[in-house]
Protein backbone atom coordinates (compact mmCIF):
# COMPACT_ATOMS: atom_id res chain seq x y z
CA MET A 1 2.58 -19.46 -7.76
CA GLN A 2 0.05 -20.02 -4.96
CA ASN A 3 2.79 -21.51 -2.78
CA ALA A 4 4.98 -18.47 -3.34
CA ILE A 5 2.12 -16.12 -2.40
CA ALA A 6 1.24 -18.19 0.68
CA HIS A 7 4.89 -18.17 1.75
CA ALA A 8 5.15 -14.40 1.22
CA VAL A 9 1.95 -13.81 3.23
CA GLY A 10 3.09 -16.06 6.10
CA VAL A 11 6.58 -14.59 6.35
CA GLY A 12 5.29 -11.07 5.83
CA ALA A 13 2.68 -11.53 8.57
CA ILE A 14 5.32 -12.50 11.12
CA LYS A 15 7.74 -9.73 10.12
CA TYR A 16 5.01 -7.10 10.15
CA ALA A 17 3.64 -8.21 13.52
CA ASP A 18 7.13 -7.96 14.96
CA LEU A 19 8.07 -4.62 13.38
CA SER A 20 4.73 -2.88 13.91
CA ASN A 21 5.12 -2.81 17.68
CA GLU A 22 7.11 -0.15 19.48
CA ARG A 23 10.16 -1.76 21.01
CA ILE A 24 9.15 -0.65 24.52
CA LYS A 25 5.71 -2.31 24.36
CA ASP A 26 4.85 -5.89 25.21
CA TYR A 27 4.74 -8.32 22.31
CA VAL A 28 1.82 -10.70 21.88
CA PHE A 29 2.22 -13.55 19.40
CA ASP A 30 -1.22 -14.24 17.90
CA TRP A 31 -1.52 -16.19 14.62
CA ASN A 32 -5.14 -15.18 14.08
CA ARG A 33 -4.36 -11.50 14.34
CA MET A 34 -1.17 -11.74 12.24
CA LEU A 35 -2.88 -13.54 9.38
CA ALA A 36 -6.07 -11.45 9.32
CA PHE A 37 -6.95 -9.76 6.03
CA GLU A 38 -8.42 -6.81 7.87
CA GLY A 39 -6.85 -4.39 10.28
CA ASN A 40 -3.24 -3.37 10.68
CA THR A 41 -1.65 -6.57 9.30
CA ALA A 42 0.69 -7.54 6.47
CA PRO A 43 -1.96 -9.60 4.65
CA TYR A 44 -4.26 -6.54 4.57
CA LEU A 45 -1.47 -4.38 3.14
CA MET A 46 -0.38 -7.04 0.67
CA TYR A 47 -3.97 -7.46 -0.49
CA ALA A 48 -4.35 -3.68 -0.88
CA HIS A 49 -1.26 -3.64 -3.12
CA ALA A 50 -2.51 -6.61 -5.16
CA ARG A 51 -5.92 -4.95 -5.55
CA ILE A 52 -4.32 -1.75 -6.83
CA ARG A 53 -2.20 -3.74 -9.30
CA LEU A 54 -5.40 -5.42 -10.55
CA VAL A 55 -7.06 -2.04 -11.09
CA LEU A 56 -3.98 -0.89 -13.00
CA ARG A 57 -3.97 -4.01 -15.19
CA LYS A 58 -7.68 -3.58 -15.94
CA GLY A 59 -7.00 0.08 -16.69
CA GLY A 60 -4.35 -0.83 -19.24
CA VAL A 61 -1.38 0.45 -17.24
CA ASP A 62 1.49 -1.79 -18.28
CA LYS A 63 4.03 -2.14 -15.48
CA SER A 64 6.69 -3.50 -17.81
CA VAL A 65 6.83 -0.37 -19.99
CA ASP A 66 8.05 2.26 -17.53
CA GLU A 67 7.00 2.14 -13.90
CA THR A 68 7.89 5.79 -13.40
CA ALA A 69 5.64 6.98 -16.25
CA LEU A 70 2.17 7.87 -15.02
CA PRO A 71 -0.96 7.33 -17.13
CA GLY A 72 -2.05 10.91 -16.47
CA THR A 73 -1.62 14.00 -14.34
CA VAL A 74 -3.01 13.70 -10.85
CA ARG A 75 -5.92 16.08 -10.37
CA ILE A 76 -7.56 16.29 -6.98
CA GLU A 77 -11.34 16.56 -7.12
CA ALA A 78 -12.80 14.46 -4.28
CA PRO A 79 -11.91 14.60 -0.56
CA GLU A 80 -10.79 10.95 -0.70
CA GLU A 81 -8.38 11.75 -3.54
CA ARG A 82 -6.93 14.58 -1.48
CA ALA A 83 -6.54 12.39 1.61
CA LEU A 84 -4.80 9.66 -0.39
CA ALA A 85 -2.54 12.11 -2.21
CA LEU A 86 -1.47 13.69 1.08
CA GLU A 87 -0.65 10.26 2.52
CA VAL A 88 1.40 9.33 -0.54
CA LEU A 89 3.26 12.66 -0.46
CA GLY A 90 4.33 11.99 3.13
CA PHE A 91 6.50 9.01 2.16
CA ALA A 92 9.91 10.74 2.15
CA THR A 93 9.26 12.53 5.43
CA MET A 94 8.15 9.31 7.09
CA ILE A 95 11.29 7.49 5.92
CA GLU A 96 13.49 10.23 7.36
CA ARG A 97 11.70 10.13 10.71
CA ALA A 98 11.78 6.34 10.92
CA ALA A 99 15.49 6.30 10.08
CA GLU A 100 16.37 9.08 12.52
CA SER A 101 14.45 7.46 15.38
CA LEU A 102 15.33 3.85 14.46
CA GLN A 103 11.65 3.00 14.80
CA PRO A 104 10.41 0.69 12.03
CA HIS A 105 6.91 0.73 13.51
CA ARG A 106 6.57 4.20 11.98
CA ILE A 107 6.87 2.63 8.52
CA CYS A 108 4.20 0.10 9.48
CA THR A 109 1.84 2.80 10.68
CA TYR A 110 2.44 4.80 7.52
CA VAL A 111 1.80 1.97 5.04
CA TYR A 112 -1.35 1.05 6.97
CA ASP A 113 -2.53 4.67 6.75
CA VAL A 114 -1.85 4.68 2.99
CA ALA A 115 -3.77 1.42 2.52
CA THR A 116 -6.68 2.74 4.59
CA ALA A 117 -6.76 5.99 2.59
CA PHE A 118 -6.68 3.96 -0.63
CA THR A 119 -9.63 1.85 0.52
CA ALA A 120 -11.69 4.99 1.20
CA PHE A 121 -10.64 6.42 -2.17
CA PHE A 122 -11.47 3.19 -4.01
CA HIS A 123 -14.92 2.90 -2.47
CA ASN A 124 -15.88 6.52 -3.12
CA CYS A 125 -14.10 7.42 -6.36
CA PRO A 126 -14.72 5.24 -9.41
CA VAL A 127 -11.47 4.66 -11.25
CA LEU A 128 -12.14 2.51 -14.30
CA LYS A 129 -15.66 3.83 -14.94
CA ALA A 130 -14.69 7.50 -14.64
CA ASP A 131 -14.62 9.73 -17.71
CA GLU A 132 -11.34 11.11 -19.04
CA PRO A 133 -9.27 12.91 -17.77
CA THR A 134 -10.50 11.84 -14.31
CA ARG A 135 -9.88 8.18 -15.16
CA ALA A 136 -6.23 8.83 -16.10
CA SER A 137 -5.75 10.97 -13.00
CA ARG A 138 -7.13 8.27 -10.72
CA LEU A 139 -5.06 5.58 -12.43
CA ALA A 140 -1.98 7.75 -11.84
CA LEU A 141 -2.90 8.10 -8.17
CA CYS A 142 -3.37 4.32 -7.98
CA GLN A 143 0.05 3.77 -9.55
CA LEU A 144 1.73 6.14 -7.10
CA THR A 145 -0.05 4.44 -4.21
CA ALA A 146 1.04 0.98 -5.36
CA ARG A 147 4.63 2.20 -5.67
CA VAL A 148 4.61 3.68 -2.15
CA LEU A 149 3.05 0.55 -0.64
CA ALA A 150 5.55 -1.71 -2.40
CA GLN A 151 8.51 0.43 -1.33
CA GLY A 152 7.26 0.71 2.25
CA LEU A 153 6.74 -3.05 2.52
CA ASP A 154 10.13 -3.63 0.90
CA LEU A 155 11.79 -1.49 3.57
CA LEU A 156 10.24 -3.87 6.11
CA GLY A 157 11.54 -6.90 4.20
CA ILE A 158 8.04 -7.85 3.02
CA THR A 159 7.13 -8.79 -0.54
CA ALA A 160 4.29 -6.87 -2.18
CA PRO A 161 2.68 -9.46 -4.47
CA GLU A 162 1.19 -8.47 -7.82
CA GLN A 163 -1.83 -10.68 -7.17
CA MET A 164 -3.31 -12.75 -4.38
């Protein structure tokens, strides 16, 4: 399993580095930057997805049951929840714009923005330790975020691993 994850990270890093640049800009091939787990890179995004999946597993959200069923209704209480929800809601619009303009770097920018909003949410809004119904709401927001990250990475041809 570790070999499969390492392969996915390596291939994803190269694809993301290539697709995240506007086609009219110069391209710089830099292994250290591509493989970094911080910043606008595939490993950062893949790790964000894996971290969300871990939270969902710890929260008892079973992916095998029905991925479209949410563990609760999303209720927005904190500014970080609002910011993350707005990012997630922009998925369809971003896909349309990227397709119309034939600019895959827009997808890259979007998934990075979602991962960044999730990180702020995760650090400021307890998920597993929250009381009900806040806990269920935040788990639902996590599940939606994981789905959007996985779909966005999939559009780029990058695997979103369940764990890293």
